[in-house]
Amino acid sequence: MITKAHQADVRCARQFKLSPGSIVVLDRAYIDYNLLADWSRAGVFWVTRTKTNLELIGSTKRELPQNRNILADQLVRRSIELTSRQRFPVPLRRVIVWDEQNQRQISLLTNILDFGATTIAGIYKERWKIELFFKTLKQNLKIKTFVGTTENALRIQIWTALLALLILKWLHFLSRANWSLSNLAAMLRLNLFTYRDLTAWLNNPNETPPLIPPPEQFLLLLAPLGQLTS
């Protein structure tokens, strides 16, 4: 969905029609408790991070899994007030996870009550793959600005970037050389106009490139002007 830059992302989320049983994983920028309540009424499940100003008290503790990075698993008994002054339609659950890599706590909020706390944490962790995907696009394909600003131009450039990344991933899969995707993209960019076998180069990028074959130019014999006849 392509919109103006000043439009909030959460407004776009309201336009998606989700099937009952779907699981939505969203960042804090998309939190709208009325929207989450509407999804809950429609049978849609969701997992998100809690905002820092959200106070959840009067909760019931649940049993924690052993030898996992789960610090707390609580069933929230006090409903969250909505802008319409209605109470939240379903019980909510807070799962606090310890992020060992960044040495921090991550507080998650969800309406999924049947899954284990480790599964809830794993569902939210999957969302980071989206962040890594766009980070890979920006770093390896040097996408900083759009050439065109119409919707058709934007779609063409986005699809072109996706196709280019797909080709890079496939070449990285085929290569037996131990190099990163970013190095492959950089070296491939430098060798775009080099005459060499691509498969051999993928497996041995440091090999001396072969000599460029001489151009084959056919002679164009023109008859003298005096021999031209009408």
Protein backbone atom coordinates (compact mmCIF):
# COMPACT_ATOMS: atom_id res chain seq x y z
CA MET A 1 0.00 0.00 0.00
CA ILE A 2 1.56 3.29 -1.15
CA THR A 3 0.54 6.51 0.63
CA LYS A 4 1.83 10.03 1.20
CA ALA A 5 4.82 10.30 3.51
CA HIS A 6 2.97 12.26 6.21
CA GLN A 7 0.23 9.64 6.66
CA ALA A 8 0.55 7.50 9.77
CA ASP A 9 1.16 3.79 9.20
CA VAL A 10 -1.53 2.78 11.66
CA ARG A 11 -4.19 4.29 9.38
CA CYS A 12 -3.12 1.85 6.65
CA ALA A 13 -3.48 -1.06 9.06
CA ARG A 14 -7.20 -0.37 9.35
CA GLN A 15 -7.68 -0.90 5.61
CA PHE A 16 -6.44 -4.50 5.59
CA LYS A 17 -9.09 -7.20 5.75
CA LEU A 18 -7.79 -10.03 7.93
CA SER A 19 -9.25 -13.51 8.16
CA PRO A 20 -10.22 -14.95 11.57
CA GLY A 21 -7.36 -16.97 13.01
CA SER A 22 -4.68 -14.70 11.52
CA ILE A 23 -1.74 -13.69 13.71
CA VAL A 24 -0.54 -10.09 13.29
CA VAL A 25 2.88 -9.06 14.60
CA LEU A 26 3.28 -5.30 14.87
CA ASP A 27 5.62 -2.68 16.26
CA ARG A 28 4.64 -0.03 18.80
CA ALA A 29 4.06 2.51 16.01
CA TYR A 30 0.96 0.53 15.00
CA ILE A 31 -0.58 0.29 18.46
CA ASP A 32 -4.17 1.51 18.48
CA TYR A 33 -6.19 -0.13 21.23
CA ASN A 34 -9.46 0.41 19.38
CA LEU A 35 -7.96 -1.34 16.35
CA LEU A 36 -6.63 -4.18 18.53
CA ALA A 37 -10.07 -4.51 20.10
CA ASP A 38 -11.71 -4.70 16.67
CA TRP A 39 -9.26 -7.41 15.62
CA SER A 40 -9.95 -9.34 18.82
CA ARG A 41 -13.69 -9.23 18.21
CA ALA A 42 -13.10 -10.51 14.65
CA GLY A 43 -11.06 -13.49 15.90
CA VAL A 44 -7.71 -12.04 14.79
CA PHE A 45 -4.71 -12.62 17.08
CA TRP A 46 -1.87 -10.16 17.54
CA VAL A 47 1.49 -9.74 19.30
CA THR A 48 3.13 -6.37 19.92
CA ARG A 49 5.48 -4.57 22.30
CA THR A 50 3.98 -2.59 25.15
CA LYS A 51 4.30 1.16 25.27
CA THR A 52 6.32 2.63 28.11
CA ASN A 53 3.34 4.61 29.45
CA LEU A 54 1.05 1.57 29.67
CA GLU A 55 0.36 0.41 33.23
CA LEU A 56 -0.82 -3.16 33.64
CA ILE A 57 -1.69 -4.04 37.23
CA GLY A 58 -3.87 -6.62 38.90
CA SER A 59 -2.50 -9.45 36.79
CA THR A 60 -2.33 -13.19 37.42
CA LYS A 61 1.04 -14.90 37.11
CA ARG A 62 1.36 -17.94 34.89
CA GLU A 63 3.87 -20.77 35.14
CA LEU A 64 7.20 -19.98 33.46
CA PRO A 65 9.01 -22.43 31.17
CA GLN A 66 12.25 -23.86 32.51
CA ASN A 67 15.66 -22.82 31.13
CA ARG A 68 14.20 -20.18 28.81
CA ASN A 69 14.62 -16.42 28.50
CA ILE A 70 11.11 -15.73 29.84
CA LEU A 71 11.10 -13.45 32.90
CA ALA A 72 7.35 -13.10 33.41
CA ASP A 73 4.09 -14.37 31.98
CA GLN A 74 1.02 -12.57 33.27
CA LEU A 75 -2.68 -12.58 32.49
CA VAL A 76 -3.97 -9.02 32.75
CA ARG A 77 -7.21 -8.84 34.70
CA ARG A 78 -7.84 -5.11 34.50
CA SER A 79 -9.18 -4.16 31.07
CA ILE A 80 -7.67 -1.34 29.06
CA GLU A 81 -9.96 1.63 28.59
CA LEU A 82 -10.68 2.48 24.97
CA THR A 83 -11.37 5.93 23.56
CA SER A 84 -15.03 4.95 23.31
CA ARG A 85 -15.05 4.21 27.08
CA GLN A 86 -15.70 0.55 26.39
CA ARG A 87 -13.71 -2.20 28.05
CA PHE A 88 -11.35 -4.43 26.11
CA PRO A 89 -13.34 -7.41 24.79
CA VAL A 90 -10.83 -10.14 25.71
CA PRO A 91 -8.26 -10.80 28.45
CA LEU A 92 -4.75 -9.65 27.63
CA ARG A 93 -1.45 -11.30 28.32
CA ARG A 94 1.96 -9.76 29.01
CA VAL A 95 5.14 -11.73 28.40
CA ILE A 96 8.49 -10.25 29.46
CA VAL A 97 11.48 -11.63 27.55
CA TRP A 98 15.18 -11.20 28.27
CA ASP A 99 17.16 -10.15 25.19
CA GLU A 100 20.59 -11.64 25.81
CA GLN A 101 22.20 -10.02 22.77
CA ASN A 102 21.26 -6.46 23.73
CA GLN A 103 21.09 -7.07 27.49
CA ARG A 104 17.56 -5.70 27.93
CA GLN A 105 14.01 -6.68 28.79
CA ILE A 106 11.31 -6.76 26.09
CA SER A 107 7.70 -6.50 27.24
CA LEU A 108 5.18 -8.09 24.86
CA LEU A 109 1.41 -7.72 24.84
CA THR A 110 -0.90 -10.22 23.12
CA ASN A 111 -4.41 -11.64 23.07
CA ILE A 112 -3.10 -15.20 22.49
CA LEU A 113 -3.72 -17.20 25.65
CA ASP A 114 -3.16 -20.78 24.49
CA PHE A 115 0.43 -20.61 23.17
CA GLY A 116 3.45 -20.98 25.41
CA ALA A 117 5.41 -17.90 26.43
CA THR A 118 8.43 -19.08 24.43
CA THR A 119 6.23 -19.37 21.32
CA ILE A 120 4.91 -15.83 21.86
CA ALA A 121 8.49 -14.54 22.08
CA GLY A 122 9.41 -16.51 18.95
CA ILE A 123 6.47 -15.04 17.03
CA TYR A 124 7.59 -11.50 17.81
CA LYS A 125 11.19 -12.33 16.98
CA GLU A 126 10.09 -13.31 13.48
CA ARG A 127 9.12 -9.65 12.92
CA TRP A 128 12.80 -8.70 12.97
CA LYS A 129 13.25 -10.55 9.69
CA ILE A 130 11.30 -7.73 8.05
CA GLU A 131 13.74 -5.17 9.51
CA LEU A 132 16.71 -7.23 8.34
CA PHE A 133 15.14 -7.60 4.89
CA PHE A 134 14.83 -3.84 4.35
CA LYS A 135 18.27 -3.28 5.87
CA THR A 136 19.72 -5.72 3.32
CA LEU A 137 17.95 -3.89 0.49
CA LYS A 138 19.25 -0.47 1.54
CA GLN A 139 22.84 -1.56 2.25
CA ASN A 140 23.48 -3.75 -0.79
CA LEU A 141 21.46 -2.05 -3.51
CA LYS A 142 22.18 1.58 -2.54
CA ILE A 143 18.51 2.57 -2.63
CA LYS A 144 18.42 6.09 -1.19
CA THR A 145 16.02 7.98 -3.41
CA PHE A 146 13.37 7.16 -5.99
CA VAL A 147 13.90 8.13 -9.62
CA GLY A 148 10.17 8.67 -10.16
CA THR A 149 7.46 9.64 -7.68
CA THR A 150 4.32 8.34 -9.38
CA GLU A 151 2.76 5.16 -8.02
CA ASN A 152 3.68 3.21 -11.16
CA ALA A 153 7.30 4.41 -10.98
CA LEU A 154 7.53 3.46 -7.31
CA ARG A 155 6.17 -0.02 -7.96
CA ILE A 156 8.62 -0.57 -10.86
CA GLN A 157 11.59 0.47 -8.70
CA ILE A 158 10.47 -1.65 -5.75
CA TRP A 159 9.98 -4.75 -7.92
CA THR A 160 13.33 -4.12 -9.64
CA ALA A 161 15.06 -3.97 -6.25
CA LEU A 162 13.36 -7.19 -5.14
CA LEU A 163 14.40 -8.99 -8.32
CA ALA A 164 17.99 -7.74 -7.97
CA LEU A 165 18.15 -8.96 -4.37
CA LEU A 166 16.71 -12.33 -5.39
CA ILE A 167 19.45 -12.73 -8.03
CA LEU A 168 22.13 -11.75 -5.50
CA LYS A 169 20.80 -14.29 -3.00
CA TRP A 170 20.81 -17.01 -5.67
CA LEU A 171 24.39 -16.20 -6.73
CA HIS A 172 25.45 -16.22 -3.08
CA PHE A 173 23.85 -19.65 -2.71
CA LEU A 174 25.67 -20.98 -5.80
CA SER A 175 29.08 -19.64 -4.79
CA ARG A 176 31.49 -21.91 -2.95
CA ALA A 177 33.65 -18.97 -1.92
CA ASN A 178 33.39 -17.92 1.71
CA TRP A 179 32.26 -14.32 1.38
CA SER A 180 29.34 -12.26 2.64
CA LEU A 181 26.41 -11.05 0.61
CA SER A 182 27.59 -7.43 0.90
CA ASN A 183 31.04 -8.32 -0.47
CA LEU A 184 29.43 -10.23 -3.31
CA ALA A 185 27.26 -7.25 -4.21
CA ALA A 186 30.22 -4.85 -4.10
CA MET A 187 32.52 -7.09 -6.18
CA LEU A 188 29.78 -7.88 -8.66
CA ARG A 189 29.19 -4.17 -9.14
CA LEU A 190 32.89 -3.70 -10.00
CA ASN A 191 32.89 -6.59 -12.48
CA LEU A 192 29.73 -5.79 -14.41
CA PHE A 193 31.71 -4.94 -17.55
CA THR A 194 34.40 -7.59 -17.11
CA TYR A 195 34.51 -10.38 -19.70
CA ARG A 196 34.68 -13.56 -17.61
CA ASP A 197 32.75 -16.69 -16.76
CA LEU A 198 30.32 -15.88 -13.94
CA THR A 199 30.26 -19.38 -12.40
CA ALA A 200 34.06 -19.60 -12.27
CA TRP A 201 34.26 -16.10 -10.80
CA LEU A 202 31.75 -16.94 -8.06
CA ASN A 203 33.90 -19.85 -6.88
CA ASN A 204 37.26 -18.09 -7.30
CA PRO A 205 36.80 -14.30 -7.26
CA ASN A 206 40.56 -13.61 -6.85
CA GLU A 207 41.51 -15.36 -10.08
CA THR A 208 43.16 -13.19 -12.75
CA PRO A 209 40.52 -12.23 -15.32
CA PRO A 210 41.07 -13.59 -18.83
CA LEU A 211 42.23 -11.39 -21.67
CA ILE A 212 39.49 -9.57 -23.52
CA PRO A 213 39.09 -11.18 -26.94
CA PRO A 214 39.72 -8.87 -29.92
CA PRO A 215 36.59 -7.51 -31.56
CA GLU A 216 35.51 -9.19 -34.75
CA GLN A 217 34.79 -6.45 -37.24
CA PHE A 218 33.78 -7.54 -40.72
CA LEU A 219 35.20 -5.57 -43.66
CA LEU A 220 32.71 -3.50 -45.59
CA LEU A 221 34.00 -3.36 -49.17
CA LEU A 222 32.66 -0.41 -51.11
CA ALA A 223 32.97 -0.17 -54.87
CA PRO A 224 34.68 2.93 -56.31
CA LEU A 225 32.32 5.75 -57.15
CA GLY A 226 33.06 5.35 -60.88
CA GLN A 227 31.75 1.76 -60.93
CA LEU A 228 28.38 2.64 -59.52
CA THR A 229 25.53 2.12 -61.97
CA SER A 230 22.00 3.33 -61.80
